[in-house]
Protein backbone atom coordinates (compact mmCIF):
# COMPACT_ATOMS: atom_id res chain seq x y z
CA UNK A 1 -0.03 -0.10 -0.35
CA UNK A 2 2.60 2.31 1.04
CA UNK A 3 4.70 1.12 -2.27
CA UNK A 4 1.41 2.13 -4.37
CA UNK A 5 1.08 5.52 -2.59
CA UNK A 6 5.04 6.43 -3.43
CA UNK A 7 4.53 5.72 -6.37
CA UNK A 8 1.34 7.58 -7.15
CA UNK A 9 3.10 10.99 -5.36
CA UNK A 10 6.12 10.15 -8.06
CA UNK A 11 3.89 9.89 -10.91
CA UNK A 12 2.06 13.54 -9.59
CA UNK A 13 4.67 15.09 -9.67
CA UNK A 14 6.30 14.85 -13.64
CA UNK A 15 2.82 16.16 -14.55
CA UNK A 16 3.03 19.32 -12.34
CA UNK A 17 6.65 20.04 -13.14
CA UNK A 18 5.47 19.72 -17.19
CA UNK A 19 2.37 22.47 -16.08
CA UNK A 20 5.19 24.94 -14.47
CA UNK A 21 7.24 25.00 -17.14
CA UNK A 22 4.76 25.53 -19.35
CA UNK A 23 3.23 28.13 -17.87
CA UNK A 24 6.91 29.70 -17.61
CA UNK A 25 7.11 29.24 -21.30
CA UNK A 26 3.77 30.93 -21.80
CA UNK A 27 4.55 34.16 -19.93
CA UNK A 28 8.00 34.26 -21.60
CA UNK A 29 5.98 34.47 -24.98
CA UNK A 30 3.35 36.67 -23.98
CA UNK A 31 6.07 39.40 -22.35
CA UNK A 32 7.48 39.32 -25.46
CA UNK A 33 4.85 39.37 -28.24
CA UNK A 34 3.42 42.28 -25.59
CA UNK A 35 7.11 44.29 -26.17
CA UNK A 36 6.53 43.52 -30.15
CA UNK A 37 3.42 45.76 -30.21
CA UNK A 38 5.57 48.82 -29.38
CA UNK A 39 7.38 49.69 -32.88
CA UNK A 40 10.86 50.67 -32.60
CA UNK A 41 12.03 54.11 -33.36
CA UNK A 42 12.55 55.37 -36.87
CA UNK A 43 15.48 56.28 -37.62
CA UNK A 44 16.57 60.03 -37.77
CA UNK A 45 17.61 61.87 -40.87
CA UNK A 46 18.15 65.11 -39.77
CA UNK A 47 17.89 67.25 -42.84
CA UNK A 48 17.80 70.65 -40.21
CA UNK A 49 18.14 69.22 -37.20
CA UNK A 50 20.51 69.94 -34.97
CA UNK A 51 23.58 67.83 -34.06
CA UNK A 52 22.89 65.91 -30.99
CA UNK A 53 24.52 66.30 -27.93
CA UNK A 54 25.85 63.77 -25.12
CA UNK A 55 23.69 62.29 -22.37
CA UNK A 56 25.43 64.11 -19.93
CA UNK A 57 24.35 67.56 -21.63
CA UNK A 58 20.95 69.52 -21.50
CA UNK A 59 19.16 68.89 -24.75
CA UNK A 60 18.73 71.78 -27.34
CA UNK A 61 15.32 73.80 -27.74
CA UNK A 62 13.63 71.76 -30.30
CA UNK A 63 14.19 73.77 -33.77
CA UNK A 64 10.95 73.85 -36.09
CA UNK A 65 11.62 72.07 -39.27
CA UNK A 66 11.60 74.26 -42.29
CA UNK A 67 10.08 70.95 -44.26
CA UNK A 68 6.40 69.78 -43.75
CA UNK A 69 8.05 65.78 -43.16
CA UNK A 70 11.96 65.99 -43.09
CA UNK A 71 12.00 61.91 -43.43
CA UNK A 72 9.34 61.77 -46.14
CA UNK A 73 11.15 64.39 -47.72
CA UNK A 74 14.41 62.42 -47.16
CA UNK A 75 13.07 58.93 -48.03
CA UNK A 76 11.63 60.16 -51.51
CA UNK A 77 14.36 62.54 -52.73
CA UNK A 78 16.76 59.49 -52.07
CA UNK A 79 14.09 57.25 -54.31
CA UNK A 80 13.92 60.06 -56.59
CA UNK A 81 17.78 59.91 -57.25
CA UNK A 82 17.83 56.44 -57.14
CA UNK A 83 15.06 55.40 -60.26
CA UNK A 84 13.35 58.51 -61.55
CA UNK A 85 14.06 59.00 -65.20
CA UNK A 86 12.56 61.25 -67.68
CA UNK A 87 12.89 61.61 -71.74
CA UNK A 88 13.43 64.55 -73.62
CA UNK A 89 12.06 64.24 -77.55
CA UNK A 90 15.05 65.14 -79.71
CA UNK A 91 12.63 66.46 -82.60
CA UNK A 92 13.46 69.93 -83.21
CA UNK A 93 16.53 72.35 -84.26
CA UNK A 94 18.20 72.69 -81.56
CA UNK A 95 19.91 76.14 -83.42
CA UNK A 96 16.18 77.86 -82.65
CA UNK A 97 13.78 77.52 -80.38
CA UNK A 98 14.41 73.49 -78.93
CA UNK A 99 16.06 71.90 -76.27
CA UNK A 100 18.74 75.24 -75.94
CA UNK A 101 18.11 77.85 -73.53
CA UNK A 102 18.33 81.69 -75.04
CA UNK A 103 20.83 82.44 -71.69
CA UNK A 104 21.32 81.45 -68.14
CA UNK A 105 21.20 85.22 -67.28
CA UNK A 106 18.34 87.61 -66.15
CA UNK A 107 15.48 87.03 -64.15
CA UNK A 108 13.52 84.53 -66.45
CA UNK A 109 16.81 82.37 -65.93
CA UNK A 110 14.37 79.53 -64.17
CA UNK A 111 13.76 78.19 -67.59
CA UNK A 112 17.24 78.30 -69.18
CA UNK A 113 18.69 76.33 -66.15
CA UNK A 114 16.33 74.26 -66.56
CA UNK A 115 16.90 73.12 -70.09
CA UNK A 116 20.47 73.28 -69.48
CA UNK A 117 20.47 71.20 -66.32
CA UNK A 118 18.33 68.11 -67.35
CA UNK A 119 20.91 67.46 -70.44
CA UNK A 120 23.46 67.28 -67.65
CA UNK A 121 21.63 65.26 -64.86
CA UNK A 122 21.65 61.47 -64.20
CA UNK A 123 17.52 61.85 -64.54
CA UNK A 124 18.05 61.70 -68.35
CA UNK A 125 17.38 58.64 -70.33
CA UNK A 126 17.84 57.85 -73.92
CA UNK A 127 15.37 54.78 -73.57
CA UNK A 128 11.61 56.09 -73.78
CA UNK A 129 10.65 52.72 -72.54
CA UNK A 130 12.11 53.19 -69.14
CA UNK A 131 10.47 56.70 -68.68
CA UNK A 132 8.39 58.43 -66.07
CA UNK A 133 7.59 61.23 -67.32
CA UNK A 134 8.28 62.95 -70.89
CA UNK A 135 9.84 66.33 -71.35
CA UNK A 136 8.42 68.51 -74.43
CA UNK A 137 11.74 70.58 -74.82
CA UNK A 138 10.39 73.89 -76.40
CA UNK A 139 11.49 77.23 -75.17
CA UNK A 140 8.95 80.45 -75.07
CA UNK A 141 11.55 82.51 -73.82
CA UNK A 142 14.23 81.80 -76.63
CA UNK A 143 11.42 82.78 -79.27
CA UNK A 144 10.90 85.83 -77.17
CA UNK A 145 14.59 86.89 -77.70
CA UNK A 146 14.23 86.53 -81.14
CA UNK A 147 11.32 88.83 -81.88
CA UNK A 148 8.77 85.82 -82.25
CA UNK A 149 5.50 87.39 -81.75
CA UNK A 150 3.24 86.20 -79.73
CA UNK A 151 0.74 84.46 -82.38
CA UNK A 152 3.39 83.14 -84.19
CA UNK A 153 4.44 81.98 -81.12
CA UNK A 154 1.36 79.77 -80.66
CA UNK A 155 1.48 78.37 -83.87
CA UNK A 156 5.15 77.31 -83.46
CA UNK A 157 4.36 75.40 -79.80
CA UNK A 158 0.93 73.74 -81.35
CA UNK A 159 2.41 72.20 -84.84
CA UNK A 160 5.50 71.38 -82.69
CA UNK A 161 3.30 69.61 -80.14
CA UNK A 162 1.39 68.05 -82.67
CA UNK A 163 4.21 66.07 -84.59
CA UNK A 164 5.45 64.67 -81.53
CA UNK A 165 1.93 63.37 -80.94
CA UNK A 166 1.61 61.88 -84.52
CA UNK A 167 5.02 60.92 -84.52
CA UNK A 168 5.20 58.68 -80.83
CA UNK A 169 2.86 56.60 -79.63
CA UNK A 170 3.74 57.94 -76.10
CA UNK A 171 1.27 60.69 -75.42
CA UNK A 172 -1.84 58.50 -76.18
CA UNK A 173 -1.26 56.47 -73.47
CA UNK A 174 -2.10 58.79 -70.55
CA UNK A 175 -3.51 61.34 -72.85
CA UNK A 176 -0.41 63.61 -71.36
CA UNK A 177 -0.60 63.03 -68.52
CA UNK A 178 3.09 62.27 -67.86
CA UNK A 179 4.24 64.66 -70.24
CA UNK A 180 5.21 68.35 -68.86
CA UNK A 181 6.57 71.41 -70.01
CA UNK A 182 9.01 74.16 -68.55
CA UNK A 183 8.55 78.40 -69.14
CA UNK A 184 9.46 81.18 -66.73
CA UNK A 185 7.72 83.91 -68.14
CA UNK A 186 4.39 84.37 -68.43
CA UNK A 187 3.99 84.89 -72.47
CA UNK A 188 5.16 81.39 -72.59
CA UNK A 189 2.11 80.13 -70.43
CA UNK A 190 -0.01 81.90 -73.57
CA UNK A 191 2.19 80.21 -76.01
CA UNK A 192 0.74 76.96 -75.10
CA UNK A 193 -3.31 78.02 -75.60
CA UNK A 194 -3.52 76.45 -79.01
CA UNK A 195 -3.53 72.98 -77.09
CA UNK A 196 -6.19 73.06 -74.59
CA UNK A 197 -5.78 69.38 -74.05
CA UNK A 198 -2.39 70.05 -73.18
CA UNK A 199 -2.66 72.73 -70.53
CA UNK A 200 -5.68 70.01 -69.34
CA UNK A 201 -3.71 66.99 -68.81
CA UNK A 202 -0.01 67.89 -68.87
CA UNK A 203 2.25 69.07 -66.07
CA UNK A 204 2.94 72.51 -66.37
CA UNK A 205 6.14 74.14 -64.83
CA UNK A 206 5.73 77.58 -64.61
CA UNK A 207 6.73 80.78 -62.69
CA UNK A 208 3.74 81.84 -62.16
CA UNK A 209 1.75 79.63 -60.71
CA UNK A 210 -1.75 81.18 -59.52
CA UNK A 211 -4.40 79.10 -59.31
CA UNK A 212 -7.33 81.65 -59.75
CA UNK A 213 -6.23 81.36 -63.32
CA UNK A 214 -5.90 77.86 -64.61
CA UNK A 215 -2.93 76.49 -62.35
CA UNK A 216 -3.76 73.24 -60.99
CA UNK A 217 -1.66 73.08 -57.56
CA UNK A 218 -1.65 68.95 -57.36
CA UNK A 219 -1.14 68.80 -60.93
CA UNK A 220 1.01 71.94 -62.39
CA UNK A 221 4.41 72.49 -60.92
CA UNK A 222 5.60 76.32 -59.41
CA UNK A 223 9.08 77.04 -60.72
CA UNK A 224 10.69 79.45 -58.61
CA UNK A 225 11.87 82.72 -60.35
CA UNK A 226 15.60 83.39 -59.66
CA UNK A 227 17.31 85.86 -60.83
CA UNK A 228 20.77 84.86 -61.31
CA UNK A 229 23.83 85.57 -61.22
CA UNK A 230 23.48 87.08 -57.86
CA UNK A 231 25.27 90.45 -57.98
CA UNK A 232 26.69 89.85 -54.29
CA UNK A 233 27.48 86.90 -51.72
CA UNK A 234 24.68 85.07 -49.46
CA UNK A 235 23.37 86.60 -46.71
CA UNK A 236 22.36 85.18 -43.52
CA UNK A 237 23.72 85.12 -39.46
CA UNK A 238 23.72 88.76 -39.83
CA UNK A 239 20.96 89.50 -37.50
CA UNK A 240 23.20 92.28 -35.93
CA UNK A 241 23.41 94.64 -38.98
CA UNK A 242 19.57 93.93 -40.08
CA UNK A 243 18.28 97.68 -38.50
CA UNK A 244 15.96 98.35 -40.98
CA UNK A 245 12.15 97.01 -40.56
CA UNK A 246 11.11 96.52 -44.27
CA UNK A 247 12.16 97.36 -47.98
CA UNK A 248 10.45 97.80 -51.12
CA UNK A 249 11.66 99.37 -54.11
CA UNK A 250 10.44 98.21 -57.54
CA UNK A 251 7.84 99.29 -60.61
CA UNK A 252 4.25 100.00 -59.83
CA UNK A 253 3.05 97.33 -62.61
CA UNK A 254 0.31 95.94 -60.11
CA UNK A 255 -2.49 97.41 -58.22
CA UNK A 256 -0.67 95.64 -55.06
CA UNK A 257 2.05 97.67 -55.90
CA UNK A 258 0.26 100.87 -56.50
CA UNK A 259 -1.20 100.47 -52.86
CA UNK A 260 1.88 99.72 -51.25
CA UNK A 261 3.69 102.50 -52.77
CA UNK A 262 1.07 105.06 -51.99
CA UNK A 263 -0.25 104.00 -47.89
CA UNK A 264 3.92 103.37 -47.20
CA UNK A 265 6.19 105.39 -49.03
CA UNK A 266 6.27 108.55 -46.76
CA UNK A 267 7.29 106.09 -43.84
CA UNK A 268 9.92 106.60 -41.38
CA UNK A 269 9.89 102.83 -40.64
CA UNK A 270 9.44 101.10 -43.97
CA UNK A 271 11.89 102.11 -46.45
CA UNK A 272 9.29 102.03 -49.73
CA UNK A 273 10.09 103.42 -52.90
CA UNK A 274 7.94 103.70 -55.66
CA UNK A 275 10.68 103.15 -58.23
CA UNK A 276 13.57 101.19 -58.89
CA UNK A 277 16.60 102.52 -57.20
CA UNK A 278 18.70 104.86 -59.48
CA UNK A 279 22.39 103.32 -59.88
CA UNK A 280 23.76 106.54 -60.44
CA UNK A 281 23.22 107.01 -56.29
CA UNK A 282 25.89 104.26 -55.90
CA UNK A 283 26.63 100.59 -57.16
CA UNK A 284 24.10 98.16 -56.08
CA UNK A 285 22.29 100.15 -53.52
CA UNK A 286 19.41 98.03 -54.13
CA UNK A 287 21.22 94.80 -53.66
CA UNK A 288 22.88 96.38 -50.38
CA UNK A 289 19.33 97.27 -48.93
CA UNK A 290 18.87 93.36 -48.41
CA UNK A 291 21.59 93.21 -45.81
CA UNK A 292 20.49 96.13 -43.96
CA UNK A 293 17.08 94.63 -44.07
CA UNK A 294 14.61 92.60 -41.32
CA UNK A 295 11.94 92.18 -44.06
CA UNK A 296 11.91 92.65 -47.50
CA UNK A 297 8.41 93.39 -49.12
CA UNK A 298 7.37 91.13 -51.84
CA UNK A 299 4.07 91.92 -53.57
CA UNK A 300 2.98 90.60 -56.68
CA UNK A 301 3.67 92.12 -60.24
CA UNK A 302 2.14 91.53 -63.60
CA UNK A 303 1.70 87.94 -62.36
CA UNK A 304 1.37 86.45 -58.56
CA UNK A 305 5.43 85.72 -58.84
CA UNK A 306 8.38 87.96 -58.31
CA UNK A 307 12.02 87.34 -58.77
CA UNK A 308 12.34 89.19 -55.68
CA UNK A 309 11.50 86.39 -53.66
CA UNK A 310 14.64 84.61 -54.26
CA UNK A 311 16.28 87.68 -53.89
CA UNK A 312 15.33 88.08 -50.36
CA UNK A 313 15.88 84.43 -49.74
CA UNK A 314 19.58 84.93 -50.85
CA UNK A 315 20.23 88.12 -48.99
CA UNK A 316 19.07 86.67 -45.84
CA UNK A 317 16.30 89.08 -45.53
CA UNK A 318 12.60 87.33 -44.40
CA UNK A 319 10.83 87.93 -47.64
CA UNK A 320 7.05 89.05 -47.48
CA UNK A 321 4.82 87.71 -49.71
CA UNK A 322 2.04 89.89 -50.81
CA UNK A 323 -0.07 87.98 -53.35
CA UNK A 324 -2.98 86.08 -53.33
CA UNK A 325 -3.74 83.14 -55.08
CA UNK A 326 -0.19 82.26 -55.24
CA UNK A 327 1.20 78.44 -55.18
CA UNK A 328 4.24 79.16 -53.70
CA UNK A 329 7.34 77.29 -55.23
CA UNK A 330 8.10 73.72 -53.37
CA UNK A 331 4.88 74.23 -51.01
CA UNK A 332 4.68 70.35 -50.96
CA UNK A 333 8.05 70.14 -49.38
CA UNK A 334 8.37 73.57 -47.46
CA UNK A 335 6.46 74.94 -44.56
CA UNK A 336 7.05 78.88 -45.77
CA UNK A 337 5.23 80.26 -42.64
CA UNK A 338 8.55 79.17 -40.69
CA UNK A 339 11.14 81.25 -43.14
CA UNK A 340 8.54 83.84 -44.49
CA UNK A 341 5.68 86.36 -43.90
CA UNK A 342 2.52 84.85 -46.30
CA UNK A 343 0.12 87.94 -46.11
CA UNK A 344 -2.87 88.55 -48.13
CA UNK A 345 -3.11 91.68 -50.52
CA UNK A 346 -5.88 93.15 -47.70
CA UNK A 347 -3.18 93.19 -44.92
CA UNK A 348 -1.27 95.57 -46.94
CA UNK A 349 -3.04 98.35 -45.15
CA UNK A 350 -1.92 96.67 -41.55
CA UNK A 351 1.91 96.01 -43.13
CA UNK A 352 3.77 98.44 -40.08
CA UNK A 353 1.59 97.00 -37.10
CA UNK A 354 1.75 93.16 -38.40
CA UNK A 355 5.87 93.18 -38.96
CA UNK A 356 6.11 95.27 -35.39
CA UNK A 357 4.41 92.73 -34.10
CA UNK A 358 6.97 90.06 -34.72
CA UNK A 359 8.83 90.07 -31.72
CA UNK A 360 12.98 89.68 -32.13
CA UNK A 361 12.79 86.38 -30.86
CA UNK A 362 10.06 85.48 -33.76
CA UNK A 363 12.41 87.32 -35.94
CA UNK A 364 15.67 84.88 -35.11
CA UNK A 365 13.67 82.14 -35.48
CA UNK A 366 12.34 83.36 -39.34
CA UNK A 367 15.48 84.38 -40.45
CA UNK A 368 17.58 80.89 -38.96
CA UNK A 369 15.11 78.61 -41.40
CA UNK A 370 15.63 81.01 -44.26
CA UNK A 371 19.03 80.34 -43.91
CA UNK A 372 18.26 76.77 -44.28
CA UNK A 373 16.14 76.87 -47.49
CA UNK A 374 18.81 79.16 -49.78
CA UNK A 375 20.35 75.87 -51.01
CA UNK A 376 17.01 75.12 -52.61
CA UNK A 377 16.67 78.31 -54.60
CA UNK A 378 20.13 78.75 -56.34
CA UNK A 379 20.46 77.42 -59.58
CA UNK A 380 23.92 75.76 -60.55
CA UNK A 381 25.23 73.89 -63.69
CA UNK A 382 26.40 71.47 -63.77
CA UNK A 383 23.35 70.90 -61.03
CA UNK A 384 24.23 69.78 -57.40
CA UNK A 385 22.18 68.15 -54.69
CA UNK A 386 19.28 69.61 -53.31
CA UNK A 387 19.64 72.96 -55.46
CA UNK A 388 16.39 74.32 -57.36
CA UNK A 389 16.78 71.73 -60.24
CA UNK A 390 16.71 69.11 -58.07
CA UNK A 391 14.06 70.83 -56.14
CA UNK A 392 11.95 70.99 -59.19
CA UNK A 393 12.46 67.60 -59.76
CA UNK A 394 11.28 66.48 -57.00
CA UNK A 395 8.11 67.79 -57.40
CA UNK A 396 7.67 66.27 -60.79
CA UNK A 397 8.58 62.55 -58.86
CA UNK A 398 5.97 63.33 -56.56
CA UNK A 399 3.53 63.96 -59.84
CA UNK A 400 4.54 60.61 -61.57
CA UNK A 401 3.41 58.61 -58.60
CA UNK A 402 -0.83 59.87 -59.68
CA UNK A 403 -0.25 58.41 -63.72
CA UNK A 404 -1.72 55.12 -64.38
CA UNK A 405 -1.13 53.59 -67.97
């Protein structure tokens, strides 16, 4: 009897031990599973973050990013560099209007630089089967330089594009949705009016992106108007020199400029002139004024855009955008309110009080952010990473994803 009882006790111990081991294993699996529900921290790409300090140092005050999403931009930019391809139609006479820019200087230089840069870049492919987008390389700016009338320009553009459509099969796959053209002058935009299907379907890369007159923000691209070469070096990190509150000088070729000059030209704190500064009073007086000013007023001219915006950015003067219906360049990527003051045209009457309400601390933050974006508003030949050309290409890369065929 005793032997049987001892045997029974031993036999019952084994199942209990197995149950205990199973419970421990189940607890371990559950613990590890719960930990796996907490995702690992995503790697920081540090596009514009300050250098990390050792743990023993106090953490720096966080600096707002000039990008809407630094991580998304860095990842997308890397993918663009790796895979994006553009086919340039070879047709046309390179000595006249096609493929060759008029010049790489002046306030419409952005058009010429793009034509030059796309040929120099890694994005160009000779194989249309590999292309994500197709570039229609006709330069209205060059036509203007040769004295071509607007009527003749429209006919030349129409004949050229219709010739491409009849000769190649690529247009008809998307009705032109994967095609784009580039023009900086507003006359260039008008030159395509004889092709309403192209205006509707294709990507228009233009310097006059006014979305109350046919510009479609999710389809078209705002080309920055950059007056190059710059007469003087970049400004920045020079806050102590900026003692003037605001500055503008230019022609009164729009309603907002007329109002700006009329209301503020006699003000003692805003340096507002209703004409361009005469070179007779000194060399580069206009450009040097940017170095001494906190806020540079950028009212729209004959169009919503102005080369004065890129001038302000280059010289380190916080731009004050005073133009309605303006889709600002690289708006998909850059948070303009981190480095510019964006106003409605009706705010012109309160301009001085608005600028004076910006504290010195807020101005310093705007100025520091402005320095970060300067590299995006300059053209180079050959192009360099993150310059104006690469930013335009990134905008095009974003748009090619919505095209299906």
